[in-house]
N, C-alpha and C. Protein backbone atom coordinates (compact mmCIF):
# COMPACT_ATOMS: atom_id res chain seq x y z
N UNK A 1 26.30 -50.26 26.50
CA UNK A 1 27.27 -49.34 27.06
C UNK A 1 27.71 -49.78 28.46
N UNK A 2 26.80 -50.34 29.24
CA UNK A 2 27.17 -50.80 30.58
C UNK A 2 28.23 -51.88 30.49
N UNK A 3 28.07 -52.81 29.55
CA UNK A 3 29.07 -53.88 29.39
C UNK A 3 30.43 -53.30 29.02
N UNK A 4 30.45 -52.30 28.15
CA UNK A 4 31.71 -51.66 27.78
C UNK A 4 32.35 -50.98 28.99
N UNK A 5 31.53 -50.30 29.78
CA UNK A 5 32.04 -49.62 30.98
C UNK A 5 32.60 -50.62 31.98
N UNK A 6 31.94 -51.74 32.15
CA UNK A 6 32.41 -52.78 33.07
C UNK A 6 33.73 -53.35 32.59
N UNK A 7 33.88 -53.51 31.27
CA UNK A 7 35.11 -54.08 30.72
C UNK A 7 36.27 -53.09 30.71
N UNK A 8 35.98 -51.80 30.62
CA UNK A 8 37.02 -50.76 30.56
C UNK A 8 36.65 -49.59 31.48
N UNK A 9 36.65 -49.81 32.79
CA UNK A 9 36.18 -48.76 33.72
C UNK A 9 36.88 -47.41 33.56
N UNK A 10 38.17 -47.40 33.33
CA UNK A 10 38.89 -46.13 33.22
C UNK A 10 38.44 -45.31 32.02
N UNK A 11 38.01 -45.98 30.96
CA UNK A 11 37.55 -45.27 29.77
C UNK A 11 36.19 -44.62 29.97
N UNK A 12 35.48 -45.05 31.00
CA UNK A 12 34.13 -44.53 31.24
C UNK A 12 34.06 -43.71 32.54
N UNK A 13 35.20 -43.21 32.98
CA UNK A 13 35.23 -42.32 34.14
C UNK A 13 34.67 -40.96 33.73
N UNK A 14 34.09 -40.25 34.67
CA UNK A 14 33.54 -38.92 34.38
C UNK A 14 34.64 -38.01 33.85
N UNK A 15 34.34 -37.32 32.74
CA UNK A 15 35.30 -36.44 32.10
C UNK A 15 35.05 -35.00 32.51
N UNK A 16 36.14 -34.28 32.73
CA UNK A 16 36.06 -32.86 33.08
C UNK A 16 36.70 -32.02 31.97
N UNK A 17 36.35 -32.33 30.74
CA UNK A 17 36.88 -31.57 29.61
C UNK A 17 38.38 -31.68 29.49
N UNK A 18 39.03 -30.56 29.26
CA UNK A 18 40.47 -30.56 29.04
C UNK A 18 41.26 -31.00 30.27
N UNK A 19 40.65 -30.94 31.45
CA UNK A 19 41.41 -31.26 32.66
C UNK A 19 41.48 -32.75 32.97
N UNK A 20 40.75 -33.59 32.25
CA UNK A 20 40.87 -35.03 32.43
C UNK A 20 39.63 -35.66 33.05
N UNK A 21 39.83 -36.88 33.55
CA UNK A 21 38.73 -37.66 34.11
C UNK A 21 38.97 -37.91 35.60
N UNK A 22 37.95 -38.47 36.24
CA UNK A 22 38.12 -38.88 37.64
C UNK A 22 39.33 -39.79 37.79
N UNK A 23 39.48 -40.73 36.87
CA UNK A 23 40.58 -41.69 36.94
C UNK A 23 41.92 -40.98 36.80
N UNK A 24 42.00 -39.98 35.92
CA UNK A 24 43.24 -39.21 35.79
C UNK A 24 43.63 -38.57 37.12
N UNK A 25 42.62 -38.02 37.83
CA UNK A 25 42.89 -37.40 39.13
C UNK A 25 43.32 -38.42 40.17
N UNK A 26 42.73 -39.60 40.15
CA UNK A 26 43.13 -40.65 41.09
C UNK A 26 44.59 -41.04 40.84
N UNK A 27 44.95 -41.23 39.57
CA UNK A 27 46.33 -41.58 39.24
C UNK A 27 47.31 -40.48 39.66
N UNK A 28 46.94 -39.23 39.41
CA UNK A 28 47.79 -38.11 39.78
C UNK A 28 47.98 -38.04 41.30
N UNK A 29 46.92 -38.20 42.03
CA UNK A 29 46.98 -38.18 43.49
C UNK A 29 47.85 -39.32 44.02
N UNK A 30 47.69 -40.49 43.44
CA UNK A 30 48.49 -41.65 43.86
C UNK A 30 49.98 -41.40 43.59
N UNK A 31 50.30 -40.82 42.43
CA UNK A 31 51.70 -40.52 42.11
C UNK A 31 52.27 -39.50 43.10
N UNK A 32 51.50 -38.45 43.37
CA UNK A 32 51.98 -37.39 44.27
C UNK A 32 52.21 -37.89 45.69
N UNK A 33 51.35 -38.80 46.14
CA UNK A 33 51.42 -39.30 47.53
C UNK A 33 52.23 -40.58 47.67
N UNK A 34 52.63 -41.18 46.56
CA UNK A 34 53.31 -42.46 46.64
C UNK A 34 52.34 -43.59 46.97
N UNK A 35 51.11 -43.44 46.54
CA UNK A 35 50.05 -44.42 46.80
C UNK A 35 48.88 -43.75 47.50
N UNK A 36 47.87 -44.51 47.79
CA UNK A 36 46.66 -43.95 48.40
C UNK A 36 46.38 -44.50 49.79
N UNK A 37 47.30 -45.29 50.30
CA UNK A 37 47.11 -45.88 51.63
C UNK A 37 46.88 -44.79 52.67
N UNK A 38 45.88 -44.99 53.50
CA UNK A 38 45.55 -44.05 54.56
C UNK A 38 44.67 -42.90 54.13
N UNK A 39 44.45 -42.74 52.84
CA UNK A 39 43.63 -41.64 52.34
C UNK A 39 42.16 -42.02 52.23
N UNK A 40 41.92 -43.25 51.83
CA UNK A 40 40.55 -43.70 51.60
C UNK A 40 40.40 -45.14 52.04
N UNK A 41 39.29 -45.45 52.64
CA UNK A 41 39.02 -46.83 53.08
C UNK A 41 38.22 -47.53 52.00
N UNK A 42 38.81 -48.51 51.38
CA UNK A 42 38.13 -49.28 50.33
C UNK A 42 37.81 -50.69 50.80
N UNK A 43 37.80 -50.88 52.10
CA UNK A 43 37.44 -52.19 52.66
C UNK A 43 35.92 -52.30 52.77
N UNK A 44 35.28 -52.16 51.64
CA UNK A 44 33.83 -52.25 51.54
C UNK A 44 33.53 -53.47 50.70
N UNK A 45 32.68 -54.36 51.21
CA UNK A 45 32.39 -55.59 50.48
C UNK A 45 31.25 -55.36 49.49
N UNK A 46 31.08 -56.32 48.60
CA UNK A 46 30.05 -56.25 47.57
C UNK A 46 28.66 -56.07 48.17
N UNK A 47 28.38 -56.76 49.26
CA UNK A 47 27.06 -56.65 49.89
C UNK A 47 26.80 -55.22 50.38
N UNK A 48 27.84 -54.56 50.90
CA UNK A 48 27.67 -53.19 51.37
C UNK A 48 27.40 -52.23 50.21
N UNK A 49 28.13 -52.40 49.11
CA UNK A 49 27.91 -51.56 47.93
C UNK A 49 26.50 -51.79 47.40
N UNK A 50 26.11 -53.03 47.32
CA UNK A 50 24.77 -53.39 46.85
C UNK A 50 23.69 -52.76 47.73
N UNK A 51 23.89 -52.81 49.02
CA UNK A 51 22.94 -52.23 49.96
C UNK A 51 22.85 -50.72 49.79
N UNK A 52 23.97 -50.07 49.61
CA UNK A 52 24.00 -48.61 49.41
C UNK A 52 23.22 -48.24 48.16
N UNK A 53 23.45 -48.97 47.07
CA UNK A 53 22.73 -48.70 45.83
C UNK A 53 21.23 -48.92 46.00
N UNK A 54 20.86 -50.00 46.67
CA UNK A 54 19.45 -50.32 46.89
C UNK A 54 18.78 -49.25 47.76
N UNK A 55 19.43 -48.84 48.84
CA UNK A 55 18.87 -47.81 49.73
C UNK A 55 18.71 -46.48 49.01
N UNK A 56 19.58 -46.23 48.05
CA UNK A 56 19.51 -44.99 47.27
C UNK A 56 18.42 -45.06 46.21
N UNK A 57 17.80 -46.24 46.07
CA UNK A 57 16.73 -46.41 45.09
C UNK A 57 17.23 -46.68 43.68
N UNK A 58 18.48 -47.08 43.59
CA UNK A 58 19.06 -47.34 42.28
C UNK A 58 18.56 -48.68 41.75
N UNK A 59 17.95 -48.69 40.60
CA UNK A 59 17.47 -49.94 40.01
C UNK A 59 17.90 -50.12 38.56
N UNK A 60 18.15 -49.03 37.86
CA UNK A 60 18.47 -49.10 36.44
C UNK A 60 19.82 -49.78 36.21
N UNK A 61 19.80 -50.92 35.57
CA UNK A 61 21.03 -51.69 35.27
C UNK A 61 21.87 -51.92 36.52
N UNK A 62 21.19 -52.30 37.57
CA UNK A 62 21.80 -52.47 38.89
C UNK A 62 23.04 -53.36 38.84
N UNK A 63 22.94 -54.52 38.21
CA UNK A 63 24.06 -55.47 38.18
C UNK A 63 25.30 -54.91 37.52
N UNK A 64 25.11 -54.23 36.39
CA UNK A 64 26.24 -53.65 35.68
C UNK A 64 26.90 -52.53 36.47
N UNK A 65 26.08 -51.70 37.09
CA UNK A 65 26.61 -50.60 37.88
C UNK A 65 27.37 -51.14 39.10
N UNK A 66 26.80 -52.13 39.75
CA UNK A 66 27.47 -52.75 40.89
C UNK A 66 28.83 -53.30 40.47
N UNK A 67 28.87 -54.01 39.36
CA UNK A 67 30.13 -54.58 38.88
C UNK A 67 31.13 -53.49 38.53
N UNK A 68 30.67 -52.40 37.92
CA UNK A 68 31.56 -51.29 37.56
C UNK A 68 32.16 -50.68 38.82
N UNK A 69 31.34 -50.45 39.83
CA UNK A 69 31.84 -49.87 41.08
C UNK A 69 32.87 -50.78 41.72
N UNK A 70 32.59 -52.07 41.77
CA UNK A 70 33.53 -53.02 42.38
C UNK A 70 34.85 -53.06 41.62
N UNK A 71 34.79 -53.00 40.29
CA UNK A 71 36.02 -53.00 39.49
C UNK A 71 36.82 -51.72 39.70
N UNK A 72 36.13 -50.59 39.76
CA UNK A 72 36.87 -49.35 39.98
C UNK A 72 37.50 -49.31 41.37
N UNK A 73 36.80 -49.88 42.35
CA UNK A 73 37.40 -49.97 43.69
C UNK A 73 38.66 -50.83 43.66
N UNK A 74 38.63 -51.90 42.90
CA UNK A 74 39.79 -52.78 42.78
C UNK A 74 40.94 -52.03 42.11
N UNK A 75 40.63 -51.21 41.10
CA UNK A 75 41.66 -50.43 40.42
C UNK A 75 42.32 -49.46 41.41
N UNK A 76 41.51 -48.81 42.23
CA UNK A 76 42.05 -47.85 43.21
C UNK A 76 42.87 -48.60 44.26
N UNK A 77 42.39 -49.77 44.69
CA UNK A 77 43.15 -50.58 45.68
C UNK A 77 44.54 -50.91 45.13
N UNK A 78 44.63 -51.17 43.84
CA UNK A 78 45.91 -51.56 43.25
C UNK A 78 46.94 -50.42 43.30
N UNK A 79 46.48 -49.21 43.53
CA UNK A 79 47.39 -48.06 43.61
C UNK A 79 47.88 -47.80 45.03
N UNK A 80 47.33 -48.49 46.00
CA UNK A 80 47.69 -48.24 47.40
C UNK A 80 49.03 -48.83 47.74
């Protein structure tokens, strides 16, 4: 499942039932604002994300989760 999520991050976004997923909300917000520039700072490098996960005690499928987070950040950057 981790490999599938890494390959298709938008399909594995948290779902909120009939109201959609996290990704749906990101897309809606980007459309409403004409992008996401100035709203969120995504200038976080891989080492910083890795450090945050490690400090939080995250160990289960660490590599896959790290890759998923980095890909989703890239998807959000593309909307800016």
